[in-house]
Full PDB file with SEQRES, HELIX, SHEET, SSBOND, CRYST1, ORIGX, SCALE, CONECT and MASTER records, all heavy atoms in Angstrom:
SEQRES   1 A   39  ASN LEU LEU ASP ILE HIS GLY LEU GLU THR PRO ASP VAL          
SEQRES   2 A   39  PHE GLN THR ASP LEU ARG GLU VAL PHE GLY PHE LEU GLN          
SEQRES   3 A   39  ARG GLN GLY ASN LYS GLU GLU LEU VAL ARG TYR VAL GLU          
HELIX    1 AA1 ILE A    5  GLY A    7  5                                   3    
HELIX    2 AA2 PRO A   11  VAL A   13  5                                   3    
HELIX    3 AA3 LEU A   18  ARG A   27  1                                  10    
HELIX    4 AA4 LYS A   31  VAL A   38  1                                   8    
CRYST1    1.000    1.000    1.000  90.00  90.00  90.00 P 1           1          
ORIGX1      1.000000  0.000000  0.000000        0.00000                         
ORIGX2      0.000000  1.000000  0.000000        0.00000                         
ORIGX3      0.000000  0.000000  1.000000        0.00000                         
SCALE1      1.000000  0.000000  0.000000        0.00000                         
SCALE2      0.000000  1.000000  0.000000        0.00000                         
SCALE3      0.000000  0.000000  1.000000        0.00000                         
ATOM      1  N   ASN A   1     -33.181  43.663  -7.837  1.00  0.00           N  
ATOM      2  CA  ASN A   1     -32.180  42.844  -7.253  1.00  0.00           C  
ATOM      3  C   ASN A   1     -31.827  41.741  -8.183  1.00  0.00           C  
ATOM      4  O   ASN A   1     -32.584  40.803  -8.274  1.00  0.00           O  
ATOM      5  CB  ASN A   1     -32.601  42.314  -5.875  1.00  0.00           C  
ATOM      6  CG  ASN A   1     -33.057  43.358  -4.867  1.00  0.00           C  
ATOM      7  OD1 ASN A   1     -32.285  44.298  -4.676  1.00  0.00           O  
ATOM      8  ND2 ASN A   1     -34.267  43.279  -4.326  1.00  0.00           N  
ATOM      9  N   LEU A   2     -30.751  41.970  -8.962  1.00  0.00           N  
ATOM     10  CA  LEU A   2     -30.528  41.009 -10.009  1.00  0.00           C  
ATOM     11  C   LEU A   2     -29.098  40.257  -9.785  1.00  0.00           C  
ATOM     12  O   LEU A   2     -28.035  40.980  -9.677  1.00  0.00           O  
ATOM     13  CB  LEU A   2     -30.551  41.639 -11.379  1.00  0.00           C  
ATOM     14  CG  LEU A   2     -30.456  40.607 -12.517  1.00  0.00           C  
ATOM     15  CD1 LEU A   2     -31.802  39.823 -12.688  1.00  0.00           C  
ATOM     16  CD2 LEU A   2     -30.208  41.410 -13.809  1.00  0.00           C  
ATOM     17  N   LEU A   3     -29.105  38.977  -9.746  1.00  0.00           N  
ATOM     18  CA  LEU A   3     -27.910  38.224  -9.697  1.00  0.00           C  
ATOM     19  C   LEU A   3     -27.549  37.879 -11.210  1.00  0.00           C  
ATOM     20  O   LEU A   3     -28.149  36.964 -11.774  1.00  0.00           O  
ATOM     21  CB  LEU A   3     -27.983  36.968  -8.872  1.00  0.00           C  
ATOM     22  CG  LEU A   3     -26.783  35.993  -9.037  1.00  0.00           C  
ATOM     23  CD1 LEU A   3     -25.535  36.566  -8.438  1.00  0.00           C  
ATOM     24  CD2 LEU A   3     -27.050  34.687  -8.277  1.00  0.00           C  
ATOM     25  N   ASP A   4     -26.556  38.580 -11.776  1.00  0.00           N  
ATOM     26  CA  ASP A   4     -26.093  38.127 -13.123  1.00  0.00           C  
ATOM     27  C   ASP A   4     -24.867  37.249 -13.078  1.00  0.00           C  
ATOM     28  O   ASP A   4     -23.881  37.684 -12.538  1.00  0.00           O  
ATOM     29  CB  ASP A   4     -25.690  39.481 -13.831  1.00  0.00           C  
ATOM     30  CG  ASP A   4     -25.265  39.272 -15.287  1.00  0.00           C  
ATOM     31  OD1 ASP A   4     -25.153  38.048 -15.708  1.00  0.00           O  
ATOM     32  OD2 ASP A   4     -25.015  40.286 -15.935  1.00  0.00           O  
ATOM     33  N   ILE A   5     -25.001  36.021 -13.507  1.00  0.00           N  
ATOM     34  CA  ILE A   5     -23.938  35.060 -13.244  1.00  0.00           C  
ATOM     35  C   ILE A   5     -22.653  35.505 -13.977  1.00  0.00           C  
ATOM     36  O   ILE A   5     -21.615  35.056 -13.509  1.00  0.00           O  
ATOM     37  CB  ILE A   5     -24.405  33.697 -13.786  1.00  0.00           C  
ATOM     38  CG1 ILE A   5     -24.583  33.689 -15.254  1.00  0.00           C  
ATOM     39  CG2 ILE A   5     -25.489  33.093 -12.953  1.00  0.00           C  
ATOM     40  CD1 ILE A   5     -24.837  32.293 -15.839  1.00  0.00           C  
ATOM     41  N   HIS A   6     -22.760  36.385 -14.988  1.00  0.00           N  
ATOM     42  CA  HIS A   6     -21.544  36.852 -15.660  1.00  0.00           C  
ATOM     43  C   HIS A   6     -20.782  37.896 -14.823  1.00  0.00           C  
ATOM     44  O   HIS A   6     -19.622  38.054 -14.992  1.00  0.00           O  
ATOM     45  CB  HIS A   6     -21.933  37.465 -16.997  1.00  0.00           C  
ATOM     46  CG  HIS A   6     -22.668  36.490 -17.867  1.00  0.00           C  
ATOM     47  ND1 HIS A   6     -21.976  35.507 -18.588  1.00  0.00           N  
ATOM     48  CD2 HIS A   6     -24.001  36.360 -18.216  1.00  0.00           C  
ATOM     49  CE1 HIS A   6     -22.820  34.820 -19.294  1.00  0.00           C  
ATOM     50  NE2 HIS A   6     -24.073  35.337 -19.053  1.00  0.00           N  
ATOM     51  N   GLY A   7     -21.498  38.507 -13.887  1.00  0.00           N  
ATOM     52  CA  GLY A   7     -20.805  39.502 -13.045  1.00  0.00           C  
ATOM     53  C   GLY A   7     -20.552  38.923 -11.660  1.00  0.00           C  
ATOM     54  O   GLY A   7     -19.978  39.700 -10.856  1.00  0.00           O  
ATOM     55  N   LEU A   8     -20.774  37.699 -11.481  1.00  0.00           N  
ATOM     56  CA  LEU A   8     -20.456  36.987 -10.187  1.00  0.00           C  
ATOM     57  C   LEU A   8     -18.921  36.768 -10.132  1.00  0.00           C  
ATOM     58  O   LEU A   8     -18.394  35.882 -10.914  1.00  0.00           O  
ATOM     59  CB  LEU A   8     -21.210  35.737 -10.151  1.00  0.00           C  
ATOM     60  CG  LEU A   8     -21.235  34.981  -8.788  1.00  0.00           C  
ATOM     61  CD1 LEU A   8     -21.774  35.762  -7.628  1.00  0.00           C  
ATOM     62  CD2 LEU A   8     -22.045  33.653  -8.906  1.00  0.00           C  
ATOM     63  N   GLU A   9     -18.235  37.406  -9.286  1.00  0.00           N  
ATOM     64  CA  GLU A   9     -16.745  37.351  -9.201  1.00  0.00           C  
ATOM     65  C   GLU A   9     -16.374  35.972  -8.835  1.00  0.00           C  
ATOM     66  O   GLU A   9     -15.344  35.376  -9.340  1.00  0.00           O  
ATOM     67  CB  GLU A   9     -16.272  38.368  -8.234  1.00  0.00           C  
ATOM     68  CG  GLU A   9     -16.348  39.762  -8.663  1.00  0.00           C  
ATOM     69  CD  GLU A   9     -15.768  40.788  -7.750  1.00  0.00           C  
ATOM     70  OE1 GLU A   9     -15.126  40.292  -6.798  1.00  0.00           O  
ATOM     71  OE2 GLU A   9     -15.867  41.997  -8.017  1.00  0.00           O  
ATOM     72  N   THR A  10     -17.063  35.393  -7.927  1.00  0.00           N  
ATOM     73  CA  THR A  10     -16.775  33.985  -7.490  1.00  0.00           C  
ATOM     74  C   THR A  10     -17.975  33.217  -7.000  1.00  0.00           C  
ATOM     75  O   THR A  10     -18.712  33.758  -6.095  1.00  0.00           O  
ATOM     76  CB  THR A  10     -15.651  33.880  -6.420  1.00  0.00           C  
ATOM     77  OG1 THR A  10     -15.533  32.588  -5.905  1.00  0.00           O  
ATOM     78  CG2 THR A  10     -16.040  34.875  -5.222  1.00  0.00           C  
ATOM     79  N   PRO A  11     -18.331  32.087  -7.593  1.00  0.00           N  
ATOM     80  CA  PRO A  11     -19.456  31.332  -7.042  1.00  0.00           C  
ATOM     81  C   PRO A  11     -19.208  30.635  -5.712  1.00  0.00           C  
ATOM     82  O   PRO A  11     -20.052  30.057  -5.187  1.00  0.00           O  
ATOM     83  CB  PRO A  11     -19.641  30.243  -8.162  1.00  0.00           C  
ATOM     84  CG  PRO A  11     -18.904  30.736  -9.385  1.00  0.00           C  
ATOM     85  CD  PRO A  11     -17.766  31.530  -8.832  1.00  0.00           C  
ATOM     86  N   ASP A  12     -18.002  30.829  -5.169  1.00  0.00           N  
ATOM     87  CA  ASP A  12     -17.641  30.143  -3.946  1.00  0.00           C  
ATOM     88  C   ASP A  12     -18.421  30.679  -2.824  1.00  0.00           C  
ATOM     89  O   ASP A  12     -18.282  30.156  -1.629  1.00  0.00           O  
ATOM     90  CB  ASP A  12     -16.080  30.358  -3.669  1.00  0.00           C  
ATOM     91  CG  ASP A  12     -15.242  29.518  -4.604  1.00  0.00           C  
ATOM     92  OD1 ASP A  12     -15.848  28.638  -5.258  1.00  0.00           O  
ATOM     93  OD2 ASP A  12     -14.039  29.779  -4.749  1.00  0.00           O  
ATOM     94  N   VAL A  13     -19.215  31.816  -2.976  1.00  0.00           N  
ATOM     95  CA  VAL A  13     -20.070  32.333  -1.884  1.00  0.00           C  
ATOM     96  C   VAL A  13     -21.181  31.309  -1.695  1.00  0.00           C  
ATOM     97  O   VAL A  13     -21.832  31.384  -0.531  1.00  0.00           O  
ATOM     98  CB  VAL A  13     -20.563  33.736  -2.251  1.00  0.00           C  
ATOM     99  CG1 VAL A  13     -21.540  33.642  -3.459  1.00  0.00           C  
ATOM    100  CG2 VAL A  13     -21.189  34.483  -1.038  1.00  0.00           C  
ATOM    101  N   PHE A  14     -21.439  30.370  -2.529  1.00  0.00           N  
ATOM    102  CA  PHE A  14     -22.493  29.453  -2.317  1.00  0.00           C  
ATOM    103  C   PHE A  14     -21.919  28.089  -1.834  1.00  0.00           C  
ATOM    104  O   PHE A  14     -20.773  27.731  -2.117  1.00  0.00           O  
ATOM    105  CB  PHE A  14     -23.231  29.164  -3.618  1.00  0.00           C  
ATOM    106  CG  PHE A  14     -23.820  30.409  -4.223  1.00  0.00           C  
ATOM    107  CD1 PHE A  14     -23.205  31.020  -5.394  1.00  0.00           C  
ATOM    108  CD2 PHE A  14     -24.906  31.004  -3.641  1.00  0.00           C  
ATOM    109  CE1 PHE A  14     -23.814  32.235  -5.854  1.00  0.00           C  
ATOM    110  CE2 PHE A  14     -25.476  32.177  -4.171  1.00  0.00           C  
ATOM    111  CZ  PHE A  14     -24.904  32.806  -5.265  1.00  0.00           C  
ATOM    112  N   GLN A  15     -22.738  27.445  -1.026  1.00  0.00           N  
ATOM    113  CA  GLN A  15     -22.305  26.231  -0.385  1.00  0.00           C  
ATOM    114  C   GLN A  15     -22.811  24.931  -0.983  1.00  0.00           C  
ATOM    115  O   GLN A  15     -22.254  23.854  -0.728  1.00  0.00           O  
ATOM    116  CB  GLN A  15     -22.706  26.266   1.152  1.00  0.00           C  
ATOM    117  CG  GLN A  15     -22.310  27.493   1.877  1.00  0.00           C  
ATOM    118  CD  GLN A  15     -20.875  27.560   1.913  1.00  0.00           C  
ATOM    119  OE1 GLN A  15     -20.113  26.694   2.284  1.00  0.00           O  
ATOM    120  NE2 GLN A  15     -20.392  28.879   1.699  1.00  0.00           N  
ATOM    121  N   THR A  16     -23.844  25.028  -1.764  1.00  0.00           N  
ATOM    122  CA  THR A  16     -24.457  23.846  -2.368  1.00  0.00           C  
ATOM    123  C   THR A  16     -23.928  23.691  -3.879  1.00  0.00           C  
ATOM    124  O   THR A  16     -22.982  24.395  -4.189  1.00  0.00           O  
ATOM    125  CB  THR A  16     -26.005  23.884  -2.502  1.00  0.00           C  
ATOM    126  OG1 THR A  16     -26.375  25.026  -3.252  1.00  0.00           O  
ATOM    127  CG2 THR A  16     -26.601  24.163  -1.014  1.00  0.00           C  
ATOM    128  N   ASP A  17     -24.573  22.853  -4.650  1.00  0.00           N  
ATOM    129  CA  ASP A  17     -24.050  22.687  -5.998  1.00  0.00           C  
ATOM    130  C   ASP A  17     -24.430  23.859  -6.914  1.00  0.00           C  
ATOM    131  O   ASP A  17     -24.084  23.895  -8.120  1.00  0.00           O  
ATOM    132  CB  ASP A  17     -24.511  21.406  -6.615  1.00  0.00           C  
ATOM    133  CG  ASP A  17     -26.057  21.203  -6.697  1.00  0.00           C  
ATOM    134  OD1 ASP A  17     -26.776  22.246  -6.316  1.00  0.00           O  
ATOM    135  OD2 ASP A  17     -26.475  20.049  -6.866  1.00  0.00           O  
ATOM    136  N   LEU A  18     -25.026  24.855  -6.289  1.00  0.00           N  
ATOM    137  CA  LEU A  18     -25.204  26.137  -6.988  1.00  0.00           C  
ATOM    138  C   LEU A  18     -23.889  26.693  -7.475  1.00  0.00           C  
ATOM    139  O   LEU A  18     -23.772  27.380  -8.419  1.00  0.00           O  
ATOM    140  CB  LEU A  18     -25.844  27.249  -6.081  1.00  0.00           C  
ATOM    141  CG  LEU A  18     -27.436  27.181  -6.000  1.00  0.00           C  
ATOM    142  CD1 LEU A  18     -27.894  28.163  -4.899  1.00  0.00           C  
ATOM    143  CD2 LEU A  18     -28.019  27.726  -7.322  1.00  0.00           C  
ATOM    144  N   ARG A  19     -22.833  26.395  -6.598  1.00  0.00           N  
ATOM    145  CA  ARG A  19     -21.431  26.918  -6.946  1.00  0.00           C  
ATOM    146  C   ARG A  19     -21.170  26.289  -8.296  1.00  0.00           C  
ATOM    147  O   ARG A  19     -20.562  27.090  -9.164  1.00  0.00           O  
ATOM    148  CB  ARG A  19     -20.531  26.488  -5.828  1.00  0.00           C  
ATOM    149  CG  ARG A  19     -19.114  26.774  -6.017  1.00  0.00           C  
ATOM    150  CD  ARG A  19     -18.221  26.423  -4.785  1.00  0.00           C  
ATOM    151  NE  ARG A  19     -18.478  25.000  -4.541  1.00  0.00           N  
ATOM    152  CZ  ARG A  19     -18.955  24.511  -3.358  1.00  0.00           C  
ATOM    153  NH1 ARG A  19     -19.250  25.449  -2.448  1.00  0.00           N  
ATOM    154  NH2 ARG A  19     -19.115  23.277  -3.112  1.00  0.00           N  
ATOM    155  N   GLU A  20     -21.249  25.020  -8.439  1.00  0.00           N  
ATOM    156  CA  GLU A  20     -20.883  24.356  -9.760  1.00  0.00           C  
ATOM    157  C   GLU A  20     -21.718  24.783 -10.875  1.00  0.00           C  
ATOM    158  O   GLU A  20     -21.301  24.882 -11.995  1.00  0.00           O  
ATOM    159  CB  GLU A  20     -20.848  22.871  -9.567  1.00  0.00           C  
ATOM    160  CG  GLU A  20     -19.646  22.302  -8.731  1.00  0.00           C  
ATOM    161  CD  GLU A  20     -19.674  22.633  -7.324  1.00  0.00           C  
ATOM    162  OE1 GLU A  20     -20.835  22.710  -6.676  1.00  0.00           O  
ATOM    163  OE2 GLU A  20     -18.659  22.945  -6.693  1.00  0.00           O  
ATOM    164  N   VAL A  21     -23.127  24.844 -10.607  1.00  0.00           N  
ATOM    165  CA  VAL A  21     -23.961  25.274 -11.702  1.00  0.00           C  
ATOM    166  C   VAL A  21     -23.650  26.620 -12.280  1.00  0.00           C  
ATOM    167  O   VAL A  21     -23.496  26.761 -13.451  1.00  0.00           O  
ATOM    168  CB  VAL A  21     -25.437  25.134 -11.190  1.00  0.00           C  
ATOM    169  CG1 VAL A  21     -26.371  25.887 -12.226  1.00  0.00           C  
ATOM    170  CG2 VAL A  21     -25.843  23.716 -10.996  1.00  0.00           C  
ATOM    171  N   PHE A  22     -23.420  27.634 -11.342  1.00  0.00           N  
ATOM    172  CA  PHE A  22     -23.139  28.939 -11.796  1.00  0.00           C  
ATOM    173  C   PHE A  22     -21.616  28.989 -12.499  1.00  0.00           C  
ATOM    174  O   PHE A  22     -21.556  29.642 -13.434  1.00  0.00           O  
ATOM    175  CB  PHE A  22     -23.263  29.952 -10.667  1.00  0.00           C  
ATOM    176  CG  PHE A  22     -24.541  30.310 -10.200  1.00  0.00           C  
ATOM    177  CD1 PHE A  22     -24.932  30.627  -8.910  1.00  0.00           C  
ATOM    178  CD2 PHE A  22     -25.632  30.112 -11.022  1.00  0.00           C  
ATOM    179  CE1 PHE A  22     -26.090  30.915  -8.529  1.00  0.00           C  
ATOM    180  CE2 PHE A  22     -26.977  30.408 -10.613  1.00  0.00           C  
ATOM    181  CZ  PHE A  22     -27.240  30.796  -9.334  1.00  0.00           C  
ATOM    182  N   GLY A  23     -20.785  28.254 -11.841  1.00  0.00           N  
ATOM    183  CA  GLY A  23     -19.438  28.241 -12.376  1.00  0.00           C  
ATOM    184  C   GLY A  23     -19.377  27.599 -13.853  1.00  0.00           C  
ATOM    185  O   GLY A  23     -18.676  28.091 -14.705  1.00  0.00           O  
ATOM    186  N   PHE A  24     -20.230  26.656 -14.148  1.00  0.00           N  
ATOM    187  CA  PHE A  24     -20.331  25.995 -15.437  1.00  0.00           C  
ATOM    188  C   PHE A  24     -20.948  26.989 -16.354  1.00  0.00           C  
ATOM    189  O   PHE A  24     -20.416  27.219 -17.472  1.00  0.00           O  
ATOM    190  CB  PHE A  24     -21.235  24.703 -15.253  1.00  0.00           C  
ATOM    191  CG  PHE A  24     -21.301  23.895 -16.477  1.00  0.00           C  
ATOM    192  CD1 PHE A  24     -20.733  22.752 -16.682  1.00  0.00           C  
ATOM    193  CD2 PHE A  24     -22.247  24.306 -17.551  1.00  0.00           C  
ATOM    194  CE1 PHE A  24     -20.753  21.976 -17.890  1.00  0.00           C  
ATOM    195  CE2 PHE A  24     -22.348  23.599 -18.650  1.00  0.00           C  
ATOM    196  CZ  PHE A  24     -21.661  22.399 -18.835  1.00  0.00           C  
ATOM    197  N   LEU A  25     -22.090  27.544 -16.016  1.00  0.00           N  
ATOM    198  CA  LEU A  25     -22.780  28.490 -16.877  1.00  0.00           C  
ATOM    199  C   LEU A  25     -21.981  29.770 -17.206  1.00  0.00           C  
ATOM    200  O   LEU A  25     -22.041  30.299 -18.296  1.00  0.00           O  
ATOM    201  CB  LEU A  25     -24.094  28.929 -16.359  1.00  0.00           C  
ATOM    202  CG  LEU A  25     -25.165  27.784 -16.249  1.00  0.00           C  
ATOM    203  CD1 LEU A  25     -26.423  28.230 -15.626  1.00  0.00           C  
ATOM    204  CD2 LEU A  25     -25.457  27.144 -17.601  1.00  0.00           C  
ATOM    205  N   GLN A  26     -21.089  30.110 -16.328  1.00  0.00           N  
ATOM    206  CA  GLN A  26     -20.215  31.338 -16.592  1.00  0.00           C  
ATOM    207  C   GLN A  26     -19.243  30.927 -17.673  1.00  0.00           C  
ATOM    208  O   GLN A  26     -18.914  31.861 -18.379  1.00  0.00           O  
ATOM    209  CB  GLN A  26     -19.542  31.668 -15.221  1.00  0.00           C  
ATOM    210  CG  GLN A  26     -20.233  32.487 -14.302  1.00  0.00           C  
ATOM    211  CD  GLN A  26     -19.353  32.801 -13.122  1.00  0.00           C  
ATOM    212  OE1 GLN A  26     -18.560  31.951 -12.596  1.00  0.00           O  
ATOM    213  NE2 GLN A  26     -19.379  33.943 -12.571  1.00  0.00           N  
ATOM    214  N   ARG A  27     -18.831  29.728 -17.820  1.00  0.00           N  
ATOM    215  CA  ARG A  27     -17.745  29.363 -18.679  1.00  0.00           C  
ATOM    216  C   ARG A  27     -18.270  28.741 -20.007  1.00  0.00           C  
ATOM    217  O   ARG A  27     -17.429  28.372 -20.801  1.00  0.00           O  
ATOM    218  CB  ARG A  27     -16.825  28.420 -18.061  1.00  0.00           C  
ATOM    219  CG  ARG A  27     -16.061  28.999 -16.722  1.00  0.00           C  
ATOM    220  CD  ARG A  27     -15.448  27.978 -16.029  1.00  0.00           C  
ATOM    221  NE  ARG A  27     -14.554  28.526 -14.915  1.00  0.00           N  
ATOM    222  CZ  ARG A  27     -14.958  28.987 -13.662  1.00  0.00           C  
ATOM    223  NH1 ARG A  27     -16.315  28.987 -13.460  1.00  0.00           N  
ATOM    224  NH2 ARG A  27     -14.254  29.506 -12.899  1.00  0.00           N  
ATOM    225  N   GLN A  28     -19.576  28.654 -20.181  1.00  0.00           N  
ATOM    226  CA  GLN A  28     -20.029  27.891 -21.340  1.00  0.00           C  
ATOM    227  C   GLN A  28     -19.686  28.573 -22.686  1.00  0.00           C  
ATOM    228  O   GLN A  28     -19.655  27.886 -23.690  1.00  0.00           O  
ATOM    229  CB  GLN A  28     -21.512  27.781 -21.326  1.00  0.00           C  
ATOM    230  CG  GLN A  28     -22.275  29.042 -21.333  1.00  0.00           C  
ATOM    231  CD  GLN A  28     -23.842  28.779 -21.219  1.00  0.00           C  
ATOM    232  OE1 GLN A  28     -24.317  27.770 -21.781  1.00  0.00           O  
ATOM    233  NE2 GLN A  28     -24.569  29.690 -20.566  1.00  0.00           N  
ATOM    234  N   GLY A  29     -19.229  29.725 -22.645  1.00  0.00           N  
ATOM    235  CA  GLY A  29     -18.752  30.503 -23.852  1.00  0.00           C  
ATOM    236  C   GLY A  29     -17.291  30.195 -24.240  1.00  0.00           C  
ATOM    237  O   GLY A  29     -16.866  30.499 -25.358  1.00  0.00           O  
ATOM    238  N   ASN A  30     -16.627  29.508 -23.342  1.00  0.00           N  
ATOM    239  CA  ASN A  30     -15.175  29.152 -23.548  1.00  0.00           C  
ATOM    240  C   ASN A  30     -14.976  27.729 -23.311  1.00  0.00           C  
ATOM    241  O   ASN A  30     -14.909  27.278 -22.162  1.00  0.00           O  
ATOM    242  CB  ASN A  30     -14.276  30.012 -22.559  1.00  0.00           C  
ATOM    243  CG  ASN A  30     -12.811  29.861 -22.895  1.00  0.00           C  
ATOM    244  OD1 ASN A  30     -12.322  28.824 -23.267  1.00  0.00           O  
ATOM    245  ND2 ASN A  30     -12.030  31.006 -22.732  1.00  0.00           N  
ATOM    246  N   LYS A  31     -14.935  26.840 -24.376  1.00  0.00           N  
ATOM    247  CA  LYS A  31     -14.974  25.534 -24.280  1.00  0.00           C  
ATOM    248  C   LYS A  31     -13.686  24.994 -23.529  1.00  0.00           C  
ATOM    249  O   LYS A  31     -13.807  24.097 -22.581  1.00  0.00           O  
ATOM    250  CB  LYS A  31     -15.004  24.842 -25.682  1.00  0.00           C  
ATOM    251  CG  LYS A  31     -16.346  24.965 -26.258  1.00  0.00           C  
ATOM    252  CD  LYS A  31     -16.414  24.209 -27.632  1.00  0.00           C  
ATOM    253  CE  LYS A  31     -17.754  24.293 -28.211  1.00  0.00           C  
ATOM    254  NZ  LYS A  31     -17.850  23.604 -29.561  1.00  0.00           N  
ATOM    255  N   GLU A  32     -12.597  25.514 -23.718  1.00  0.00           N  
ATOM    256  CA  GLU A  32     -11.308  25.064 -23.204  1.00  0.00           C  
ATOM    257  C   GLU A  32     -11.317  25.350 -21.685  1.00  0.00           C  
ATOM    258  O   GLU A  32     -10.931  24.427 -20.840  1.00  0.00           O  
ATOM    259  CB  GLU A  32     -10.120  25.736 -23.717  1.00  0.00           C  
ATOM    260  CG  GLU A  32      -9.864  25.335 -25.182  1.00  0.00           C  
ATOM    261  CD  GLU A  32      -8.542  25.839 -25.750  1.00  0.00           C  
ATOM    262  OE1 GLU A  32      -7.936  26.669 -24.982  1.00  0.00           O  
ATOM    263  OE2 GLU A  32      -8.286  25.651 -26.922  1.00  0.00           O  
ATOM    264  N   GLU A  33     -11.826  26.529 -21.280  1.00  0.00           N  
ATOM    265  CA  GLU A  33     -11.815  26.865 -19.883  1.00  0.00           C  
ATOM    266  C   GLU A  33     -12.939  26.037 -19.206  1.00  0.00           C  
ATOM    267  O   GLU A  33     -12.674  25.572 -18.028  1.00  0.00           O  
ATOM    268  CB  GLU A  33     -12.169  28.409 -19.728  1.00  0.00           C  
ATOM    269  CG  GLU A  33     -12.218  28.840 -18.208  1.00  0.00           C  
ATOM    270  CD  GLU A  33     -12.500  30.320 -18.105  1.00  0.00           C  
ATOM    271  OE1 GLU A  33     -12.489  30.937 -19.215  1.00  0.00           O  
ATOM    272  OE2 GLU A  33     -12.833  30.777 -16.966  1.00  0.00           O  
ATOM    273  N   LEU A  34     -13.994  25.768 -19.886  1.00  0.00           N  
ATOM    274  CA  LEU A  34     -15.114  24.927 -19.321  1.00  0.00           C  
ATOM    275  C   LEU A  34     -14.621  23.498 -18.968  1.00  0.00           C  
ATOM    276  O   LEU A  34     -14.906  22.986 -17.965  1.00  0.00           O  
ATOM    277  CB  LEU A  34     -16.375  24.973 -20.250  1.00  0.00           C  
ATOM    278  CG  LEU A  34     -17.478  24.038 -19.783  1.00  0.00           C  
ATOM    279  CD1 LEU A  34     -18.025  24.475 -18.419  1.00  0.00           C  
ATOM    280  CD2 LEU A  34     -18.524  24.047 -20.889  1.00  0.00           C  
ATOM    281  N   VAL A  35     -13.895  22.903 -19.980  1.00  0.00           N  
ATOM    282  CA  VAL A  35     -13.351  21.586 -19.816  1.00  0.00           C  
ATOM    283  C   VAL A  35     -12.426  21.490 -18.615  1.00  0.00           C  
ATOM    284  O   VAL A  35     -12.511  20.557 -17.741  1.00  0.00           O  
ATOM    285  CB  VAL A  35     -12.671  21.125 -21.041  1.00  0.00           C  
ATOM    286  CG1 VAL A  35     -11.968  19.818 -20.812  1.00  0.00           C  
ATOM    287  CG2 VAL A  35     -13.713  20.857 -22.222  1.00  0.00           C  
ATOM    288  N   ARG A  36     -11.562  22.446 -18.502  1.00  0.00           N  
ATOM    289  CA  ARG A  36     -10.577  22.507 -17.381  1.00  0.00           C  
ATOM    290  C   ARG A  36     -11.345  22.698 -16.068  1.00  0.00           C  
ATOM    291  O   ARG A  36     -11.011  21.992 -14.989  1.00  0.00           O  
ATOM    292  CB  ARG A  36      -9.622  23.704 -17.530  1.00  0.00           C  
ATOM    293  CG  ARG A  36      -8.529  23.491 -18.542  1.00  0.00           C  
ATOM    294  CD  ARG A  36      -7.414  24.486 -18.330  1.00  0.00           C  
ATOM    295  NE  ARG A  36      -7.888  25.857 -18.465  1.00  0.00           N  
ATOM    296  CZ  ARG A  36      -7.946  26.561 -19.629  1.00  0.00           C  
ATOM    297  NH1 ARG A  36      -7.505  26.040 -20.775  1.00  0.00           N  
ATOM    298  NH2 ARG A  36      -8.333  27.865 -19.581  1.00  0.00           N  
ATOM    299  N   TYR A  37     -12.367  23.459 -16.088  1.00  0.00           N  
ATOM    300  CA  TYR A  37     -13.185  23.740 -14.721  1.00  0.00           C  
ATOM    301  C   TYR A  37     -13.776  22.405 -14.326  1.00  0.00           C  
ATOM    302  O   TYR A  37     -13.795  22.003 -13.242  1.00  0.00           O  
ATOM    303  CB  TYR A  37     -14.205  24.809 -14.972  1.00  0.00           C  
ATOM    304  CG  TYR A  37     -15.083  25.059 -13.858  1.00  0.00           C  
ATOM    305  CD1 TYR A  37     -14.548  25.635 -12.567  1.00  0.00           C  
ATOM    306  CD2 TYR A  37     -16.504  24.737 -13.822  1.00  0.00           C  
ATOM    307  CE1 TYR A  37     -15.429  25.888 -11.618  1.00  0.00           C  
ATOM    308  CE2 TYR A  37     -17.311  25.026 -12.827  1.00  0.00           C  
ATOM    309  CZ  TYR A  37     -16.720  25.549 -11.591  1.00  0.00           C  
ATOM    310  OH  TYR A  37     -17.614  25.751 -10.635  1.00  0.00           O  
ATOM    311  N   VAL A  38     -14.510  21.689 -15.301  1.00  0.00           N  
ATOM    312  CA  VAL A  38     -15.235  20.436 -14.952  1.00  0.00           C  
ATOM    313  C   VAL A  38     -14.224  19.340 -14.626  1.00  0.00           C  
ATOM    314  O   VAL A  38     -14.498  18.656 -13.592  1.00  0.00           O  
ATOM    315  CB  VAL A  38     -16.143  20.069 -16.161  1.00  0.00           C  
ATOM    316  CG1 VAL A  38     -16.763  18.692 -15.973  1.00  0.00           C  
ATOM    317  CG2 VAL A  38     -17.200  21.084 -16.380  1.00  0.00           C  
ATOM    318  N   GLU A  39     -13.193  19.149 -15.363  1.00  0.00           N  
ATOM    319  CA  GLU A  39     -12.267  18.150 -15.037  1.00  0.00           C  
ATOM    320  C   GLU A  39     -11.520  18.319 -13.714  1.00  0.00           C  
ATOM    321  O   GLU A  39     -11.160  17.367 -13.098  1.00  0.00           O  
ATOM    322  CB  GLU A  39     -11.186  18.084 -16.191  1.00  0.00           C  
ATOM    323  CG  GLU A  39     -11.786  17.626 -17.575  1.00  0.00           C  
ATOM    324  CD  GLU A  39     -12.020  16.143 -17.613  1.00  0.00           C  
ATOM    325  OE1 GLU A  39     -11.711  15.334 -16.670  1.00  0.00           O  
ATOM    326  OE2 GLU A  39     -12.621  15.655 -18.623  1.00  0.00           O  
TER     327      GLU A  39                                                      
MASTER        0    0    0    4    0    0    0    6  326    1    0    3          
END                                                                             
């Protein structure tokens, strides 16, 4: 049973800051997208 954050369609299924942590790590390979997401 493996949760691969890269295959996670939407982190919105989580209610705590897991949503933001997974969303951040999903985008760390794309700096522009990551900045937009965080801002």
